């Protein structure tokens, strides 16, 4: 008769589970570190989607411009894609995230590439957003950037950085 020592296999299983948990934790830390690298080092102007649209009631043509965030979780729509310094402009931000994230206040920080100046360009502690389909949410904003140049707009919920969009301001 073969005698099996189950205690040995149980111990081996526990060690294996502990190893998987440690590796998973390390990967989460590494992922968070990469997100911080994006915040600090990325100054490439973000990609845009641009499409000509025609207003059906007037026939006037205009451009629909959507600025994409650095991680596929956010982006914003602007009227014509041109951001002008010292001019308040409306932007509709879209988020493809879990609704629970909206329990934290939204803050958008603008950082100027050349000067390093940093300030809050939008703050919504009341959590006003428009829900859409699935995990899509939208928030209307009014943003003014004070000077020309390259700006990184970092989006935070609470103290957590969700992502950023780098834009050129004329």
C-alpha atoms as a PDB file:
ATOM      1  CA  UNK A   1       0.000   0.000   0.000  1.00  0.00           C
ATOM      2  CA  UNK A   2       1.294   3.446  -0.934  1.00  0.00           C
ATOM      3  CA  UNK A   3       1.261   5.989   1.840  1.00  0.00           C
ATOM      4  CA  UNK A   4       0.799   9.658   0.760  1.00  0.00           C
ATOM      5  CA  UNK A   5       1.944  12.482   2.997  1.00  0.00           C
ATOM      6  CA  UNK A   6      -0.799  15.084   2.410  1.00  0.00           C
ATOM      7  CA  UNK A   7       0.783  17.554   4.813  1.00  0.00           C
ATOM      8  CA  UNK A   8       3.752  17.858   2.477  1.00  0.00           C
ATOM      9  CA  UNK A   9       1.461  18.676  -0.497  1.00  0.00           C
ATOM     10  CA  UNK A  10      -0.609  21.131   1.511  1.00  0.00           C
ATOM     11  CA  UNK A  11       2.565  22.944   2.592  1.00  0.00           C
ATOM     12  CA  UNK A  12       3.802  22.997  -1.013  1.00  0.00           C
ATOM     13  CA  UNK A  13       0.420  24.407  -2.133  1.00  0.00           C
ATOM     14  CA  UNK A  14       0.548  27.165   0.498  1.00  0.00           C
ATOM     15  CA  UNK A  15       4.071  28.120  -0.573  1.00  0.00           C
ATOM     16  CA  UNK A  16       2.923  28.248  -4.196  1.00  0.00           C
ATOM     17  CA  UNK A  17      -0.084  30.467  -3.303  1.00  0.00           C
ATOM     18  CA  UNK A  18       2.173  32.791  -1.279  1.00  0.00           C
ATOM     19  CA  UNK A  19       4.553  33.049  -4.252  1.00  0.00           C
ATOM     20  CA  UNK A  20       1.683  33.952  -6.633  1.00  0.00           C
ATOM     21  CA  UNK A  21       0.399  36.619  -4.210  1.00  0.00           C
ATOM     22  CA  UNK A  22       3.885  38.163  -3.876  1.00  0.00           C
ATOM     23  CA  UNK A  23       4.413  38.197  -7.664  1.00  0.00           C
ATOM     24  CA  UNK A  24       0.960  39.767  -8.177  1.00  0.00           C
ATOM     25  CA  UNK A  25       1.708  42.439  -5.566  1.00  0.00           C
ATOM     26  CA  UNK A  26       5.060  43.171  -7.229  1.00  0.00           C
ATOM     27  CA  UNK A  27       3.356  43.542 -10.632  1.00  0.00           C
ATOM     28  CA  UNK A  28       0.766  45.950  -9.155  1.00  0.00           C
ATOM     29  CA  UNK A  29       3.578  48.063  -7.646  1.00  0.00           C
ATOM     30  CA  UNK A  30       5.469  47.978 -10.947  1.00  0.00           C
ATOM     31  CA  UNK A  31       2.307  49.067 -12.814  1.00  0.00           C
ATOM     32  CA  UNK A  32       1.767  51.978 -10.386  1.00  0.00           C
ATOM     33  CA  UNK A  33       5.407  52.942 -10.839  1.00  0.00           C
ATOM     34  CA  UNK A  34       4.972  52.972 -14.643  1.00  0.00           C
ATOM     35  CA  UNK A  35       1.932  55.222 -14.256  1.00  0.00           C
ATOM     36  CA  UNK A  36       4.050  57.673 -12.251  1.00  0.00           C
ATOM     37  CA  UNK A  37       6.708  57.529 -14.978  1.00  0.00           C
ATOM     38  CA  UNK A  38       4.051  58.610 -17.471  1.00  0.00           C
ATOM     39  CA  UNK A  39       3.181  61.550 -15.236  1.00  0.00           C
ATOM     40  CA  UNK A  40       6.778  62.702 -14.892  1.00  0.00           C
ATOM     41  CA  UNK A  41       8.335  61.980 -18.285  1.00  0.00           C
ATOM     42  CA  UNK A  42       5.705  62.071 -21.032  1.00  0.00           C
ATOM     43  CA  UNK A  43       5.456  65.318 -22.976  1.00  0.00           C
ATOM     44  CA  UNK A  44       4.429  63.925 -26.369  1.00  0.00           C
ATOM     45  CA  UNK A  45       1.267  65.683 -27.552  1.00  0.00           C
ATOM     46  CA  UNK A  46      -1.596  63.212 -27.226  1.00  0.00           C
ATOM     47  CA  UNK A  47      -3.278  61.662 -30.229  1.00  0.00           C
ATOM     48  CA  UNK A  48      -6.501  63.149 -31.523  1.00  0.00           C
ATOM     49  CA  UNK A  49      -9.420  61.849 -33.503  1.00  0.00           C
ATOM     50  CA  UNK A  50     -10.716  64.440 -35.961  1.00  0.00           C
ATOM     51  CA  UNK A  51     -13.814  64.190 -38.106  1.00  0.00           C
ATOM     52  CA  UNK A  52     -15.697  66.755 -40.127  1.00  0.00           C
ATOM     53  CA  UNK A  53     -19.344  67.025 -39.147  1.00  0.00           C
ATOM     54  CA  UNK A  54     -22.266  68.892 -40.693  1.00  0.00           C
ATOM     55  CA  UNK A  55     -24.985  70.475 -38.612  1.00  0.00           C
ATOM     56  CA  UNK A  56     -28.200  69.043 -40.037  1.00  0.00           C
ATOM     57  CA  UNK A  57     -30.335  72.107 -39.359  1.00  0.00           C
ATOM     58  CA  UNK A  58     -27.946  74.714 -40.825  1.00  0.00           C
ATOM     59  CA  UNK A  59     -25.625  72.712 -43.063  1.00  0.00           C
ATOM     60  CA  UNK A  60     -22.593  74.383 -41.446  1.00  0.00           C
ATOM     61  CA  UNK A  61     -19.502  72.164 -41.403  1.00  0.00           C
ATOM     62  CA  UNK A  62     -17.140  71.968 -38.457  1.00  0.00           C
ATOM     63  CA  UNK A  63     -14.584  69.606 -36.980  1.00  0.00           C
ATOM     64  CA  UNK A  64     -15.309  67.201 -34.168  1.00  0.00           C
ATOM     65  CA  UNK A  65     -12.024  66.748 -32.299  1.00  0.00           C
ATOM     66  CA  UNK A  66     -11.397  64.224 -29.548  1.00  0.00           C
ATOM     67  CA  UNK A  67      -8.140  64.255 -27.544  1.00  0.00           C
ATOM     68  CA  UNK A  68      -7.145  60.795 -26.319  1.00  0.00           C
ATOM     69  CA  UNK A  69      -5.687  60.160 -22.875  1.00  0.00           C
ATOM     70  CA  UNK A  70      -2.507  58.189 -22.321  1.00  0.00           C
ATOM     71  CA  UNK A  71      -4.177  54.989 -21.128  1.00  0.00           C
ATOM     72  CA  UNK A  72      -7.515  54.474 -22.879  1.00  0.00           C
ATOM     73  CA  UNK A  73      -9.481  55.424 -19.771  1.00  0.00           C
ATOM     74  CA  UNK A  74     -10.101  59.089 -20.565  1.00  0.00           C
ATOM     75  CA  UNK A  75     -10.207  61.786 -23.180  1.00  0.00           C
ATOM     76  CA  UNK A  76     -12.029  64.993 -23.998  1.00  0.00           C
ATOM     77  CA  UNK A  77     -13.965  66.556 -26.828  1.00  0.00           C
ATOM     78  CA  UNK A  78     -13.249  70.099 -27.931  1.00  0.00           C
ATOM     79  CA  UNK A  79     -15.210  72.229 -30.359  1.00  0.00           C
ATOM     80  CA  UNK A  80     -12.558  72.661 -33.021  1.00  0.00           C
ATOM     81  CA  UNK A  81      -9.440  71.159 -31.490  1.00  0.00           C
ATOM     82  CA  UNK A  82      -7.673  74.509 -31.087  1.00  0.00           C
ATOM     83  CA  UNK A  83      -6.883  75.425 -27.509  1.00  0.00           C
ATOM     84  CA  UNK A  84      -6.301  79.122 -26.977  1.00  0.00           C
ATOM     85  CA  UNK A  85      -4.400  80.588 -24.023  1.00  0.00           C
ATOM     86  CA  UNK A  86      -6.265  82.901 -21.638  1.00  0.00           C
ATOM     87  CA  UNK A  87      -9.627  81.991 -23.177  1.00  0.00           C
ATOM     88  CA  UNK A  88     -12.159  79.970 -21.159  1.00  0.00           C
ATOM     89  CA  UNK A  89     -13.184  76.992 -23.281  1.00  0.00           C
ATOM     90  CA  UNK A  90     -15.696  74.199 -22.784  1.00  0.00           C
ATOM     91  CA  UNK A  91     -14.584  70.600 -22.939  1.00  0.00           C
ATOM     92  CA  UNK A  92     -16.569  67.444 -22.421  1.00  0.00           C
ATOM     93  CA  UNK A  93     -14.432  64.822 -20.671  1.00  0.00           C
ATOM     94  CA  UNK A  94     -15.205  61.137 -21.138  1.00  0.00           C
ATOM     95  CA  UNK A  95     -14.168  58.360 -18.796  1.00  0.00           C
ATOM     96  CA  UNK A  96     -14.267  54.603 -19.339  1.00  0.00           C
ATOM     97  CA  UNK A  97     -13.955  53.567 -15.710  1.00  0.00           C
ATOM     98  CA  UNK A  98     -15.894  51.947 -12.903  1.00  0.00           C
ATOM     99  CA  UNK A  99     -18.530  54.245 -11.374  1.00  0.00           C
ATOM    100  CA  UNK A 100     -17.029  53.727  -7.886  1.00  0.00           C
ATOM    101  CA  UNK A 101     -14.092  55.925  -8.885  1.00  0.00           C
ATOM    102  CA  UNK A 102     -16.529  58.862  -9.062  1.00  0.00           C
ATOM    103  CA  UNK A 103     -17.034  58.631  -5.312  1.00  0.00           C
ATOM    104  CA  UNK A 104     -13.773  60.578  -5.072  1.00  0.00           C
ATOM    105  CA  UNK A 105     -13.529  64.258  -6.101  1.00  0.00           C
ATOM    106  CA  UNK A 106     -12.292  64.988  -9.620  1.00  0.00           C
ATOM    107  CA  UNK A 107      -9.366  67.379 -10.047  1.00  0.00           C
ATOM    108  CA  UNK A 108      -7.558  68.260 -13.274  1.00  0.00           C
ATOM    109  CA  UNK A 109      -4.071  69.691 -12.838  1.00  0.00           C
ATOM    110  CA  UNK A 110      -2.371  71.590 -15.673  1.00  0.00           C
ATOM    111  CA  UNK A 111       1.432  71.547 -15.903  1.00  0.00           C
ATOM    112  CA  UNK A 112       3.277  73.781 -18.370  1.00  0.00           C
ATOM    113  CA  UNK A 113       6.221  71.989 -20.014  1.00  0.00           C
ATOM    114  CA  UNK A 114       8.582  74.956 -20.304  1.00  0.00           C
ATOM    115  CA  UNK A 115       7.962  76.708 -16.980  1.00  0.00           C
ATOM    116  CA  UNK A 116       6.900  73.752 -14.851  1.00  0.00           C
ATOM    117  CA  UNK A 117       4.052  75.898 -13.500  1.00  0.00           C
ATOM    118  CA  UNK A 118       1.328  73.714 -12.053  1.00  0.00           C
ATOM    119  CA  UNK A 119      -2.191  74.637 -11.022  1.00  0.00           C
ATOM    120  CA  UNK A 120      -5.702  73.264 -10.739  1.00  0.00           C
ATOM    121  CA  UNK A 121      -7.632  73.935 -13.949  1.00  0.00           C
ATOM    122  CA  UNK A 122     -10.798  72.120 -12.857  1.00  0.00           C
ATOM    123  CA  UNK A 123     -12.130  70.799  -9.563  1.00  0.00           C
ATOM    124  CA  UNK A 124     -15.427  69.028  -8.981  1.00  0.00           C
ATOM    125  CA  UNK A 125     -15.842  67.792  -5.438  1.00  0.00           C
ATOM    126  CA  UNK A 126     -19.588  67.254  -5.883  1.00  0.00           C
ATOM    127  CA  UNK A 127     -19.193  64.386  -8.349  1.00  0.00           C
ATOM    128  CA  UNK A 128     -21.423  65.769 -11.093  1.00  0.00           C
ATOM    129  CA  UNK A 129     -21.236  63.558 -14.131  1.00  0.00           C
ATOM    130  CA  UNK A 130     -23.423  62.322 -16.933  1.00  0.00           C
ATOM    131  CA  UNK A 131     -23.696  58.591 -17.328  1.00  0.00           C
ATOM    132  CA  UNK A 132     -23.645  56.927 -20.672  1.00  0.00           C
ATOM    133  CA  UNK A 133     -23.585  53.388 -21.943  1.00  0.00           C
ATOM    134  CA  UNK A 134     -21.615  50.744 -20.100  1.00  0.00           C
ATOM    135  CA  UNK A 135     -18.694  52.250 -18.228  1.00  0.00           C
ATOM    136  CA  UNK A 136     -18.704  55.548 -20.114  1.00  0.00           C
ATOM    137  CA  UNK A 137     -19.206  58.738 -18.133  1.00  0.00           C
ATOM    138  CA  UNK A 138     -18.956  62.353 -19.176  1.00  0.00           C
ATOM    139  CA  UNK A 139     -18.236  65.554 -17.274  1.00  0.00           C
ATOM    140  CA  UNK A 140     -18.597  69.031 -18.815  1.00  0.00           C
ATOM    141  CA  UNK A 141     -15.812  71.430 -17.862  1.00  0.00           C
ATOM    142  CA  UNK A 142     -14.774  75.031 -18.423  1.00  0.00           C
ATOM    143  CA  UNK A 143     -10.983  75.296 -18.558  1.00  0.00           C
ATOM    144  CA  UNK A 144      -8.648  78.262 -19.026  1.00  0.00           C
ATOM    145  CA  UNK A 145      -4.921  77.748 -19.582  1.00  0.00           C
ATOM    146  CA  UNK A 146      -2.966  80.962 -18.907  1.00  0.00           C
ATOM    147  CA  UNK A 147      -0.214  80.769 -21.521  1.00  0.00           C
ATOM    148  CA  UNK A 148       0.832  79.251 -24.836  1.00  0.00           C
ATOM    149  CA  UNK A 149       2.893  76.091 -25.027  1.00  0.00           C
ATOM    150  CA  UNK A 150       2.665  72.402 -24.259  1.00  0.00           C
ATOM    151  CA  UNK A 151       0.498  71.468 -21.290  1.00  0.00           C
ATOM    152  CA  UNK A 152      -0.063  68.137 -19.578  1.00  0.00           C
ATOM    153  CA  UNK A 153      -3.541  67.838 -18.062  1.00  0.00           C
ATOM    154  CA  UNK A 154      -3.404  65.257 -15.273  1.00  0.00           C
ATOM    155  CA  UNK A 155      -6.694  63.794 -14.103  1.00  0.00           C
ATOM    156  CA  UNK A 156      -7.038  62.775 -10.474  1.00  0.00           C
ATOM    157  CA  UNK A 157      -9.850  61.169  -8.540  1.00  0.00           C
ATOM    158  CA  UNK A 158      -8.986  61.894  -4.949  1.00  0.00           C
ATOM    159  CA  UNK A 159      -5.214  61.490  -4.770  1.00  0.00           C
ATOM    160  CA  UNK A 160      -5.158  58.785  -7.468  1.00  0.00           C
ATOM    161  CA  UNK A 161      -3.845  59.719 -10.911  1.00  0.00           C
ATOM    162  CA  UNK A 162      -6.163  58.232 -13.543  1.00  0.00           C
ATOM    163  CA  UNK A 163      -4.207  59.442 -16.573  1.00  0.00           C
ATOM    164  CA  UNK A 164      -3.222  62.496 -18.570  1.00  0.00           C
ATOM    165  CA  UNK A 165      -3.624  64.270 -21.889  1.00  0.00           C
ATOM    166  CA  UNK A 166      -0.837  66.409 -23.375  1.00  0.00           C
ATOM    167  CA  UNK A 167      -2.047  69.324 -25.503  1.00  0.00           C
ATOM    168  CA  UNK A 168      -0.640  72.257 -27.444  1.00  0.00           C
ATOM    169  CA  UNK A 169      -2.092  75.641 -26.495  1.00  0.00           C
ATOM    170  CA  UNK A 170      -1.926  78.537 -29.003  1.00  0.00           C
END
